[in-house]
Amino acid sequence: MKGFTKLAKVRYEAGNFEILEAGDYVLCAVTGEKIPLARLRYWSVERQEAYATPQAAMKRHQEVAT
């Protein structure tokens, strides 16, 4: 993604997240895609992972469940 240069360090909580180290984006745990913080909608509190899409979140859930 153009314009996003610094990876943020984030703690994922139920219903929100806390930025621990400033940055522009986080990485999707499934696809490796850069997710701008303003568009971050899907994550796992338990695994402390971000997901680019609901499909990526479901894929990770299925991988861990098996």
PDB file of N, CA and C in Angstrom:
ATOM      1  N   MET A   1       0.835  -1.186   0.000  1.00  0.00           N
ATOM      2  CA  MET A   1       0.000   0.000   0.000  1.00  0.00           C
ATOM      3  C   MET A   1       0.869   1.235   0.000  1.00  0.00           C
ATOM      4  N   LYS A   2       0.657   2.068  -0.918  1.00  0.00           N
ATOM      5  CA  LYS A   2       1.431   3.277  -1.045  1.00  0.00           C
ATOM      6  C   LYS A   2       1.144   4.217   0.129  1.00  0.00           C
ATOM      7  N   GLY A   3       2.212   4.808   0.666  1.00  0.00           N
ATOM      8  CA  GLY A   3       2.055   5.767   1.745  1.00  0.00           C
ATOM      9  C   GLY A   3       2.103   5.173   3.137  1.00  0.00           C
ATOM     10  N   PHE A   4       2.115   3.866   3.243  1.00  0.00           N
ATOM     11  CA  PHE A   4       2.172   3.230   4.550  1.00  0.00           C
ATOM     12  C   PHE A   4       3.570   2.651   4.720  1.00  0.00           C
ATOM     13  N   THR A   5       4.351   3.264   5.591  1.00  0.00           N
ATOM     14  CA  THR A   5       5.760   2.907   5.679  1.00  0.00           C
ATOM     15  C   THR A   5       6.176   2.313   7.013  1.00  0.00           C
ATOM     16  N   LYS A   6       5.421   2.537   8.079  1.00  0.00           N
ATOM     17  CA  LYS A   6       5.852   2.072   9.391  1.00  0.00           C
ATOM     18  C   LYS A   6       4.834   1.108   9.993  1.00  0.00           C
ATOM     19  N   LEU A   7       5.326  -0.052  10.366  1.00  0.00           N
ATOM     20  CA  LEU A   7       4.508  -1.069  11.011  1.00  0.00           C
ATOM     21  C   LEU A   7       4.216  -0.642  12.446  1.00  0.00           C
ATOM     22  N   ALA A   8       2.950  -0.667  12.821  1.00  0.00           N
ATOM     23  CA  ALA A   8       2.536  -0.313  14.184  1.00  0.00           C
ATOM     24  C   ALA A   8       2.578  -1.560  15.059  1.00  0.00           C
ATOM     25  N   LYS A   9       2.819  -1.348  16.342  1.00  0.00           N
ATOM     26  CA  LYS A   9       2.700  -2.434  17.314  1.00  0.00           C
ATOM     27  C   LYS A   9       1.401  -2.186  18.067  1.00  0.00           C
ATOM     28  N   VAL A  10       0.536  -3.199  18.078  1.00  0.00           N
ATOM     29  CA  VAL A  10      -0.830  -3.031  18.581  1.00  0.00           C
ATOM     30  C   VAL A  10      -1.179  -4.144  19.564  1.00  0.00           C
ATOM     31  N   ARG A  11      -1.914  -3.796  20.616  1.00  0.00           N
ATOM     32  CA  ARG A  11      -2.504  -4.806  21.508  1.00  0.00           C
ATOM     33  C   ARG A  11      -3.992  -4.842  21.192  1.00  0.00           C
ATOM     34  N   TYR A  12      -4.471  -6.024  20.817  1.00  0.00           N
ATOM     35  CA  TYR A  12      -5.871  -6.199  20.436  1.00  0.00           C
ATOM     36  C   TYR A  12      -6.692  -6.542  21.667  1.00  0.00           C
ATOM     37  N   GLU A  13      -7.777  -5.824  21.845  1.00  0.00           N
ATOM     38  CA  GLU A  13      -8.675  -6.025  22.972  1.00  0.00           C
ATOM     39  C   GLU A  13     -10.083  -6.266  22.441  1.00  0.00           C
ATOM     40  N   ALA A  14     -10.977  -6.663  23.307  1.00  0.00           N
ATOM     41  CA  ALA A  14     -12.361  -6.907  22.907  1.00  0.00           C
ATOM     42  C   ALA A  14     -13.017  -5.581  22.506  1.00  0.00           C
ATOM     43  N   GLY A  15     -13.317  -5.429  21.235  1.00  0.00           N
ATOM     44  CA  GLY A  15     -14.018  -4.254  20.749  1.00  0.00           C
ATOM     45  C   GLY A  15     -13.147  -3.061  20.386  1.00  0.00           C
ATOM     46  N   ASN A  16     -11.859  -3.109  20.700  1.00  0.00           N
ATOM     47  CA  ASN A  16     -10.962  -2.025  20.309  1.00  0.00           C
ATOM     48  C   ASN A  16      -9.522  -2.516  20.346  1.00  0.00           C
ATOM     49  N   PHE A  17      -8.602  -1.626  20.031  1.00  0.00           N
ATOM     50  CA  PHE A  17      -7.189  -1.975  20.100  1.00  0.00           C
ATOM     51  C   PHE A  17      -6.419  -0.780  20.625  1.00  0.00           C
ATOM     52  N   GLU A  18      -5.262  -1.067  21.190  1.00  0.00           N
ATOM     53  CA  GLU A  18      -4.404  -0.024  21.746  1.00  0.00           C
ATOM     54  C   GLU A  18      -3.103   0.002  20.955  1.00  0.00           C
ATOM     55  N   ILE A  19      -2.709   1.181  20.523  1.00  0.00           N
ATOM     56  CA  ILE A  19      -1.461   1.327  19.781  1.00  0.00           C
ATOM     57  C   ILE A  19      -0.326   1.448  20.790  1.00  0.00           C
ATOM     58  N   LEU A  20       0.591   0.483  20.749  1.00  0.00           N
ATOM     59  CA  LEU A  20       1.722   0.464  21.661  1.00  0.00           C
ATOM     60  C   LEU A  20       2.925   1.201  21.077  1.00  0.00           C
ATOM     61  N   GLU A  21       3.088   1.071  19.760  1.00  0.00           N
ATOM     62  CA  GLU A  21       4.137   1.796  19.035  1.00  0.00           C
ATOM     63  C   GLU A  21       3.510   2.366  17.773  1.00  0.00           C
ATOM     64  N   ALA A  22       3.662   3.653  17.588  1.00  0.00           N
ATOM     65  CA  ALA A  22       3.040   4.347  16.452  1.00  0.00           C
ATOM     66  C   ALA A  22       3.488   3.745  15.123  1.00  0.00           C
ATOM     67  N   GLY A  23       2.571   3.751  14.190  1.00  0.00           N
ATOM     68  CA  GLY A  23       2.836   3.274  12.846  1.00  0.00           C
ATOM     69  C   GLY A  23       1.624   3.525  11.975  1.00  0.00           C
ATOM     70  N   ASP A  24       1.754   3.148  10.704  1.00  0.00           N
ATOM     71  CA  ASP A  24       0.697   3.385   9.727  1.00  0.00           C
ATOM     72  C   ASP A  24      -0.208   2.179   9.511  1.00  0.00           C
ATOM     73  N   TYR A  25       0.318   0.979   9.787  1.00  0.00           N
ATOM     74  CA  TYR A  25      -0.400  -0.237   9.421  1.00  0.00           C
ATOM     75  C   TYR A  25       0.017  -1.401  10.316  1.00  0.00           C
ATOM     76  N   VAL A  26      -0.762  -2.489  10.218  1.00  0.00           N
ATOM     77  CA  VAL A  26      -0.400  -3.791  10.778  1.00  0.00           C
ATOM     78  C   VAL A  26      -0.471  -4.794   9.632  1.00  0.00           C
ATOM     79  N   LEU A  27       0.043  -5.989   9.854  1.00  0.00           N
ATOM     80  CA  LEU A  27       0.023  -7.015   8.812  1.00  0.00           C
ATOM     81  C   LEU A  27      -1.052  -8.054   9.094  1.00  0.00           C
ATOM     82  N   CYS A  28      -1.725  -8.474   8.053  1.00  0.00           N
ATOM     83  CA  CYS A  28      -2.695  -9.565   8.168  1.00  0.00           C
ATOM     84  C   CYS A  28      -1.930 -10.846   8.477  1.00  0.00           C
ATOM     85  N   ALA A  29      -2.348 -11.557   9.504  1.00  0.00           N
ATOM     86  CA  ALA A  29      -1.684 -12.796   9.920  1.00  0.00           C
ATOM     87  C   ALA A  29      -1.845 -13.919   8.904  1.00  0.00           C
ATOM     88  N   VAL A  30      -2.823 -13.815   8.027  1.00  0.00           N
ATOM     89  CA  VAL A  30      -3.088 -14.873   7.051  1.00  0.00           C
ATOM     90  C   VAL A  30      -2.467 -14.547   5.693  1.00  0.00           C
ATOM     91  N   THR A  31      -2.678 -13.334   5.206  1.00  0.00           N
ATOM     92  CA  THR A  31      -2.248 -12.979   3.851  1.00  0.00           C
ATOM     93  C   THR A  31      -0.954 -12.174   3.796  1.00  0.00           C
ATOM     94  N   GLY A  32      -0.567 -11.566   4.922  1.00  0.00           N
ATOM     95  CA  GLY A  32       0.606 -10.699   4.928  1.00  0.00           C
ATOM     96  C   GLY A  32       0.334  -9.299   4.396  1.00  0.00           C
ATOM     97  N   GLU A  33      -0.911  -9.051   4.017  1.00  0.00           N
ATOM     98  CA  GLU A  33      -1.321  -7.751   3.466  1.00  0.00           C
ATOM     99  C   GLU A  33      -1.200  -6.644   4.516  1.00  0.00           C
ATOM    100  N   LYS A  34      -0.777  -5.458   4.084  1.00  0.00           N
ATOM    101  CA  LYS A  34      -0.757  -4.298   4.972  1.00  0.00           C
ATOM    102  C   LYS A  34      -2.180  -3.811   5.205  1.00  0.00           C
ATOM    103  N   ILE A  35      -2.530  -3.595   6.469  1.00  0.00           N
ATOM    104  CA  ILE A  35      -3.857  -3.097   6.825  1.00  0.00           C
ATOM    105  C   ILE A  35      -3.680  -1.734   7.482  1.00  0.00           C
ATOM    106  N   PRO A  36      -4.125  -0.657   6.825  1.00  0.00           N
ATOM    107  CA  PRO A  36      -4.036   0.657   7.456  1.00  0.00           C
ATOM    108  C   PRO A  36      -4.819   0.661   8.772  1.00  0.00           C
ATOM    109  N   LEU A  37      -4.296   1.299   9.788  1.00  0.00           N
ATOM    110  CA  LEU A  37      -4.973   1.305  11.086  1.00  0.00           C
ATOM    111  C   LEU A  37      -6.399   1.832  10.987  1.00  0.00           C
ATOM    112  N   ALA A  38      -6.633   2.785  10.100  1.00  0.00           N
ATOM    113  CA  ALA A  38      -7.980   3.346   9.943  1.00  0.00           C
ATOM    114  C   ALA A  38      -8.969   2.317   9.386  1.00  0.00           C
ATOM    115  N   ARG A  39      -8.453   1.256   8.761  1.00  0.00           N
ATOM    116  CA  ARG A  39      -9.329   0.227   8.176  1.00  0.00           C
ATOM    117  C   ARG A  39      -9.295  -1.088   8.945  1.00  0.00           C
ATOM    118  N   LEU A  40      -8.617  -1.104  10.068  1.00  0.00           N
ATOM    119  CA  LEU A  40      -8.509  -2.325  10.858  1.00  0.00           C
ATOM    120  C   LEU A  40      -9.842  -2.635  11.520  1.00  0.00           C
ATOM    121  N   ARG A  41     -10.437  -3.763  11.154  1.00  0.00           N
ATOM    122  CA  ARG A  41     -11.756  -4.145  11.669  1.00  0.00           C
ATOM    123  C   ARG A  41     -11.796  -5.545  12.262  1.00  0.00           C
ATOM    124  N   TYR A  42     -10.840  -6.399  11.876  1.00  0.00           N
ATOM    125  CA  TYR A  42     -10.897  -7.804  12.258  1.00  0.00           C
ATOM    126  C   TYR A  42      -9.601  -8.209  12.950  1.00  0.00           C
ATOM    127  N   TRP A  43      -9.733  -8.816  14.139  1.00  0.00           N
ATOM    128  CA  TRP A  43      -8.564  -9.298  14.865  1.00  0.00           C
ATOM    129  C   TRP A  43      -8.987 -10.342  15.881  1.00  0.00           C
ATOM    130  N   SER A  44      -7.981 -11.014  16.409  1.00  0.00           N
ATOM    131  CA  SER A  44      -8.202 -12.005  17.465  1.00  0.00           C
ATOM    132  C   SER A  44      -7.515 -11.519  18.734  1.00  0.00           C
ATOM    133  N   VAL A  45      -8.298 -11.374  19.791  1.00  0.00           N
ATOM    134  CA  VAL A  45      -7.739 -11.005  21.088  1.00  0.00           C
ATOM    135  C   VAL A  45      -6.871 -12.153  21.593  1.00  0.00           C
ATOM    136  N   GLU A  46      -7.382 -13.364  21.478  1.00  0.00           N
ATOM    137  CA  GLU A  46      -6.682 -14.555  21.975  1.00  0.00           C
ATOM    138  C   GLU A  46      -5.327 -14.748  21.306  1.00  0.00           C
ATOM    139  N   ARG A  47      -5.287 -14.618  19.983  1.00  0.00           N
ATOM    140  CA  ARG A  47      -4.046 -14.849  19.237  1.00  0.00           C
ATOM    141  C   ARG A  47      -3.242 -13.572  18.993  1.00  0.00           C
ATOM    142  N   GLN A  48      -3.839 -12.406  19.306  1.00  0.00           N
ATOM    143  CA  GLN A  48      -3.185 -11.114  19.084  1.00  0.00           C
ATOM    144  C   GLN A  48      -2.725 -10.992  17.634  1.00  0.00           C
ATOM    145  N   GLU A  49      -3.681 -11.244  16.720  1.00  0.00           N
ATOM    146  CA  GLU A  49      -3.438 -11.179  15.283  1.00  0.00           C
ATOM    147  C   GLU A  49      -4.484 -10.303  14.618  1.00  0.00           C
ATOM    148  N   ALA A  50      -4.069  -9.638  13.547  1.00  0.00           N
ATOM    149  CA  ALA A  50      -4.983  -8.834  12.734  1.00  0.00           C
ATOM    150  C   ALA A  50      -5.296  -9.587  11.447  1.00  0.00           C
ATOM    151  N   TYR A  51      -6.475  -9.300  10.875  1.00  0.00           N
ATOM    152  CA  TYR A  51      -6.909  -9.929   9.630  1.00  0.00           C
ATOM    153  C   TYR A  51      -7.442  -8.861   8.677  1.00  0.00           C
ATOM    154  N   ALA A  52      -7.104  -9.001   7.410  1.00  0.00           N
ATOM    155  CA  ALA A  52      -7.507  -8.017   6.411  1.00  0.00           C
ATOM    156  C   ALA A  52      -8.988  -8.099   6.071  1.00  0.00           C
ATOM    157  N   THR A  53      -9.551  -9.297   6.147  1.00  0.00           N
ATOM    158  CA  THR A  53     -10.945  -9.511   5.761  1.00  0.00           C
ATOM    159  C   THR A  53     -11.599 -10.511   6.715  1.00  0.00           C
ATOM    160  N   PRO A  54     -12.930 -10.567   6.719  1.00  0.00           N
ATOM    161  CA  PRO A  54     -13.582 -11.598   7.527  1.00  0.00           C
ATOM    162  C   PRO A  54     -13.238 -13.011   7.030  1.00  0.00           C
ATOM    163  N   GLN A  55     -12.995 -13.147   5.736  1.00  0.00           N
ATOM    164  CA  GLN A  55     -12.621 -14.445   5.183  1.00  0.00           C
ATOM    165  C   GLN A  55     -11.260 -14.895   5.729  1.00  0.00           C
ATOM    166  N   ALA A  56     -10.335 -13.966   5.849  1.00  0.00           N
ATOM    167  CA  ALA A  56      -9.019 -14.294   6.413  1.00  0.00           C
ATOM    168  C   ALA A  56      -9.151 -14.695   7.879  1.00  0.00           C
ATOM    169  N   ALA A  57      -9.994 -14.001   8.623  1.00  0.00           N
ATOM    170  CA  ALA A  57     -10.220 -14.341  10.028  1.00  0.00           C
ATOM    171  C   ALA A  57     -10.816 -15.743  10.153  1.00  0.00           C
ATOM    172  N   MET A  58     -11.770 -16.078   9.292  1.00  0.00           N
ATOM    173  CA  MET A  58     -12.393 -17.401   9.325  1.00  0.00           C
ATOM    174  C   MET A  58     -11.378 -18.483   8.944  1.00  0.00           C
ATOM    175  N   LYS A  59     -10.551 -18.195   7.969  1.00  0.00           N
ATOM    176  CA  LYS A  59      -9.535 -19.162   7.560  1.00  0.00           C
ATOM    177  C   LYS A  59      -8.616 -19.473   8.738  1.00  0.00           C
ATOM    178  N   ARG A  60      -8.144 -18.455   9.444  1.00  0.00           N
ATOM    179  CA  ARG A  60      -7.273 -18.675  10.597  1.00  0.00           C
ATOM    180  C   ARG A  60      -8.007 -19.456  11.685  1.00  0.00           C
ATOM    181  N   HIS A  61      -9.261 -19.109  11.936  1.00  0.00           N
ATOM    182  CA  HIS A  61     -10.053 -19.811  12.939  1.00  0.00           C
ATOM    183  C   HIS A  61     -10.142 -21.297  12.596  1.00  0.00           C
ATOM    184  N   GLN A  62     -10.374 -21.606  11.335  1.00  0.00           N
ATOM    185  CA  GLN A  62     -10.483 -23.000  10.891  1.00  0.00           C
ATOM    186  C   GLN A  62      -9.146 -23.713  11.008  1.00  0.00           C
ATOM    187  N   GLU A  63      -8.048 -23.027  10.701  1.00  0.00           N
ATOM    188  CA  GLU A  63      -6.718 -23.631  10.814  1.00  0.00           C
ATOM    189  C   GLU A  63      -6.407 -24.000  12.264  1.00  0.00           C
ATOM    190  N   VAL A  64      -6.736 -23.122  13.175  1.00  0.00           N
ATOM    191  CA  VAL A  64      -6.433 -23.325  14.588  1.00  0.00           C
ATOM    192  C   VAL A  64      -7.359 -24.383  15.196  1.00  0.00           C
ATOM    193  N   ALA A  65      -8.594 -24.456  14.713  1.00  0.00           N
ATOM    194  CA  ALA A  65      -9.575 -25.393  15.254  1.00  0.00           C
ATOM    195  C   ALA A  65      -9.293 -26.842  14.864  1.00  0.00           C
ATOM    196  N   THR A  66      -8.510 -27.054  13.828  1.00  0.00           N
ATOM    197  CA  THR A  66      -8.246 -28.434  13.383  1.00  0.00           C
ATOM    198  C   THR A  66      -6.976 -28.985  13.957  1.00  0.00           C
TER     199      THR A  66
END
